[in-house]
C-alpha atoms as a PDB file:
ATOM      1  CA  SER A   1      63.619  25.520  29.003  1.00  0.00           C
ATOM      2  CA  LEU A   2      61.659  28.759  28.660  1.00  0.00           C
ATOM      3  CA  LYS A   3      63.687  31.484  26.969  1.00  0.00           C
ATOM      4  CA  LYS A   4      64.364  34.881  28.531  1.00  0.00           C
ATOM      5  CA  GLY A   5      61.192  36.986  28.313  1.00  0.00           C
ATOM      6  CA  GLY A   6      59.032  33.877  27.868  1.00  0.00           C
ATOM      7  CA  VAL A   7      55.656  33.866  29.606  1.00  0.00           C
ATOM      8  CA  PHE A   8      54.604  31.196  32.108  1.00  0.00           C
ATOM      9  CA  LEU A   9      51.044  30.749  33.396  1.00  0.00           C
ATOM     10  CA  LEU A  10      50.599  28.752  36.586  1.00  0.00           C
ATOM     11  CA  ASP A  11      47.131  27.701  37.766  1.00  0.00           C
ATOM     12  CA  THR A  12      46.419  25.874  41.016  1.00  0.00           C
ATOM     13  CA  ILE A  13      43.838  25.768  43.774  1.00  0.00           C
ATOM     14  CA  ASN A  14      43.995  28.501  46.406  1.00  0.00           C
ATOM     15  CA  ARG A  15      45.216  26.978  49.678  1.00  0.00           C
ATOM     16  CA  GLU A  16      43.337  29.456  51.875  1.00  0.00           C
ATOM     17  CA  PHE A  17      40.052  28.886  50.008  1.00  0.00           C
ATOM     18  CA  VAL A  18      40.404  25.106  50.301  1.00  0.00           C
ATOM     19  CA  LEU A  19      41.210  25.186  54.010  1.00  0.00           C
ATOM     20  CA  LYS A  20      38.300  27.498  54.811  1.00  0.00           C
ATOM     21  CA  GLY A  21      35.792  25.048  53.324  1.00  0.00           C
ATOM     22  CA  LEU A  22      37.555  21.815  54.243  1.00  0.00           C
ATOM     23  CA  GLN A  23      35.193  19.081  55.415  1.00  0.00           C
ATOM     24  CA  ARG A  24      36.711  16.140  57.275  1.00  0.00           C
ATOM     25  CA  ARG A  25      34.150  13.712  55.873  1.00  0.00           C
ATOM     26  CA  ARG A  26      31.422  14.021  53.269  1.00  0.00           C
ATOM     27  CA  TRP A  27      29.120  11.770  51.274  1.00  0.00           C
ATOM     28  CA  TYR A  28      27.819  12.750  47.872  1.00  0.00           C
ATOM     29  CA  PRO A  29      25.729  10.918  45.287  1.00  0.00           C
ATOM     30  CA  ARG A  30      26.888  10.280  41.741  1.00  0.00           C
ATOM     31  CA  GLU A  31      25.155   8.487  38.902  1.00  0.00           C
ATOM     32  CA  GLY A  32      25.178   4.794  39.856  1.00  0.00           C
ATOM     33  CA  PHE A  33      27.139   5.104  43.107  1.00  0.00           C
ATOM     34  CA  PHE A  34      27.848   7.109  46.248  1.00  0.00           C
ATOM     35  CA  ALA A  35      31.205   8.599  47.125  1.00  0.00           C
ATOM     36  CA  LEU A  36      32.704   9.128  50.549  1.00  0.00           C
ATOM     37  CA  GLU A  37      35.562  11.599  50.824  1.00  0.00           C
ATOM     38  CA  GLU A  38      37.684  11.675  53.949  1.00  0.00           C
ATOM     39  CA  THR A  39      40.199  14.506  54.070  1.00  0.00           C
ATOM     40  CA  ILE A  40      42.860  15.629  56.499  1.00  0.00           C
ATOM     41  CA  PHE A  41      45.255  18.546  56.266  1.00  0.00           C
ATOM     42  CA  ASP A  42      48.726  18.318  57.730  1.00  0.00           C
ATOM     43  CA  PRO A  43      49.854  21.862  58.619  1.00  0.00           C
ATOM     44  CA  PHE A  44      53.498  20.744  59.025  1.00  0.00           C
ATOM     45  CA  THR A  45      53.790  19.505  55.435  1.00  0.00           C
ATOM     46  CA  SER A  46      50.970  21.611  53.955  1.00  0.00           C
ATOM     47  CA  ARG A  47      49.575  18.435  52.392  1.00  0.00           C
ATOM     48  CA  MET A  48      45.918  17.569  51.959  1.00  0.00           C
ATOM     49  CA  GLU A  49      45.493  13.800  52.203  1.00  0.00           C
ATOM     50  CA  ASN A  50      42.305  12.423  50.687  1.00  0.00           C
ATOM     51  CA  THR A  51      40.764   8.961  50.642  1.00  0.00           C
ATOM     52  CA  ARG A  52      37.845   8.595  48.228  1.00  0.00           C
ATOM     53  CA  THR A  53      35.663   5.497  48.545  1.00  0.00           C
ATOM     54  CA  LEU A  54      33.174   4.702  45.788  1.00  0.00           C
ATOM     55  CA  VAL A  55      30.252   2.549  46.901  1.00  0.00           C
ATOM     56  CA  PHE A  56      28.299   0.761  44.155  1.00  0.00           C
ATOM     57  CA  GLU A  57      25.035  -1.130  44.548  1.00  0.00           C
ATOM     58  CA  ASN A  58      26.108  -4.463  43.006  1.00  0.00           C
ATOM     59  CA  GLN A  59      29.904  -4.196  42.900  1.00  0.00           C
ATOM     60  CA  PRO A  60      32.740  -4.144  45.388  1.00  0.00           C
ATOM     61  CA  LYS A  61      33.645  -0.712  46.666  1.00  0.00           C
ATOM     62  CA  LYS A  62      36.696   1.022  45.218  1.00  0.00           C
ATOM     63  CA  GLU A  63      39.101   3.140  47.215  1.00  0.00           C
ATOM     64  CA  TYR A  64      41.484   5.799  45.971  1.00  0.00           C
ATOM     65  CA  PHE A  65      44.073   7.809  47.866  1.00  0.00           C
ATOM     66  CA  PHE A  66      45.747  11.024  46.839  1.00  0.00           C
ATOM     67  CA  SER A  67      47.911  13.609  48.509  1.00  0.00           C
ATOM     68  CA  VAL A  68      48.185  17.202  47.305  1.00  0.00           C
ATOM     69  CA  ARG A  69      50.721  19.815  48.390  1.00  0.00           C
ATOM     70  CA  LEU A  70      48.975  23.160  48.865  1.00  0.00           C
ATOM     71  CA  TYR A  71      51.157  26.231  48.365  1.00  0.00           C
ATOM     72  CA  THR A  72      50.591  29.724  49.714  1.00  0.00           C
ATOM     73  CA  LEU A  73      50.841  32.739  47.434  1.00  0.00           C
ATOM     74  CA  THR A  74      54.124  33.809  49.061  1.00  0.00           C
ATOM     75  CA  GLU A  75      55.618  30.327  48.576  1.00  0.00           C
ATOM     76  CA  MET A  76      54.665  30.356  44.900  1.00  0.00           C
ATOM     77  CA  ILE A  77      56.141  33.801  44.308  1.00  0.00           C
ATOM     78  CA  SER A  78      59.324  32.812  46.161  1.00  0.00           C
ATOM     79  CA  ASN A  79      59.691  29.557  44.200  1.00  0.00           C
ATOM     80  CA  LEU A  80      59.160  31.364  40.909  1.00  0.00           C
ATOM     81  CA  LYS A  81      61.747  33.984  41.853  1.00  0.00           C
ATOM     82  CA  LYS A  82      64.295  31.281  42.828  1.00  0.00           C
ATOM     83  CA  THR A  83      63.879  29.676  39.403  1.00  0.00           C
ATOM     84  CA  GLY A  84      64.355  32.888  37.451  1.00  0.00           C
ATOM     85  CA  PHE A  85      60.844  34.271  37.046  1.00  0.00           C
ATOM     86  CA  THR A  86      59.287  37.621  37.871  1.00  0.00           C
ATOM     87  CA  THR A  87      55.636  37.735  38.813  1.00  0.00           C
ATOM     88  CA  GLU A  88      53.655  39.917  36.399  1.00  0.00           C
ATOM     89  CA  ARG A  89      50.017  39.433  37.476  1.00  0.00           C
ATOM     90  CA  ILE A  90      48.033  37.355  39.981  1.00  0.00           C
ATOM     91  CA  PHE A  91      44.402  36.334  39.481  1.00  0.00           C
ATOM     92  CA  GLY A  92      41.877  34.603  41.717  1.00  0.00           C
ATOM     93  CA  ASP A  93      39.817  32.828  39.056  1.00  0.00           C
ATOM     94  CA  PHE A  94      39.472  32.186  35.337  1.00  0.00           C
ATOM     95  CA  ASP A  95      37.471  35.411  34.911  1.00  0.00           C
ATOM     96  CA  LEU A  96      40.732  37.260  35.806  1.00  0.00           C
ATOM     97  CA  THR A  97      39.398  38.740  39.049  1.00  0.00           C
ATOM     98  CA  GLU A  98      41.960  39.985  41.546  1.00  0.00           C
ATOM     99  CA  TYR A  99      43.385  37.350  43.896  1.00  0.00           C
ATOM    100  CA  SER A 100      42.140  37.306  47.500  1.00  0.00           C
ATOM    101  CA  LEU A 101      41.990  34.774  50.329  1.00  0.00           C
ATOM    102  CA  GLN A 102      38.446  33.943  49.184  1.00  0.00           C
ATOM    103  CA  SER A 103      39.490  33.248  45.572  1.00  0.00           C
ATOM    104  CA  PRO A 104      38.951  29.649  44.416  1.00  0.00           C
ATOM    105  CA  ARG A 105      42.086  29.662  42.212  1.00  0.00           C
ATOM    106  CA  LEU A 106      45.635  30.986  42.385  1.00  0.00           C
ATOM    107  CA  ILE A 107      46.661  31.943  38.859  1.00  0.00           C
ATOM    108  CA  ILE A 108      50.065  33.541  38.384  1.00  0.00           C
ATOM    109  CA  LEU A 109      51.339  35.086  35.181  1.00  0.00           C
ATOM    110  CA  ALA A 110      55.145  35.159  35.322  1.00  0.00           C
ATOM    111  CA  LYS A 111      57.955  36.053  32.950  1.00  0.00           C
ATOM    112  CA  LYS A 112      61.352  34.377  32.607  1.00  0.00           C
ATOM    113  CA  SER A 113      64.035  36.791  33.796  1.00  0.00           C
ATOM    114  CA  GLY A 114      67.542  37.173  32.413  1.00  0.00           C
END
């Protein structure tokens, strides 16, 4: 519903950054509980599947599952183009640094084409 010339800002995690630091299993403490994260990446669907288990001292554990589709820069640009946008700028973080494979974020500034 964005009008011609309208500006669209898309912010997501950088797939390459996430995959480089991906840990299959990790424990980390939080206030009042411990968390276990178990993560797999499916290269055929480009989905990161995550099971997070919260372990409390005097309560039953709680388990959460989520699945996130990770997009490459080229996929994002292509999808934007298919939906009538032109890419204006690409940033790698909130400080507006240039995007690279090591950037934690993928931030795209796009404009609605005619």
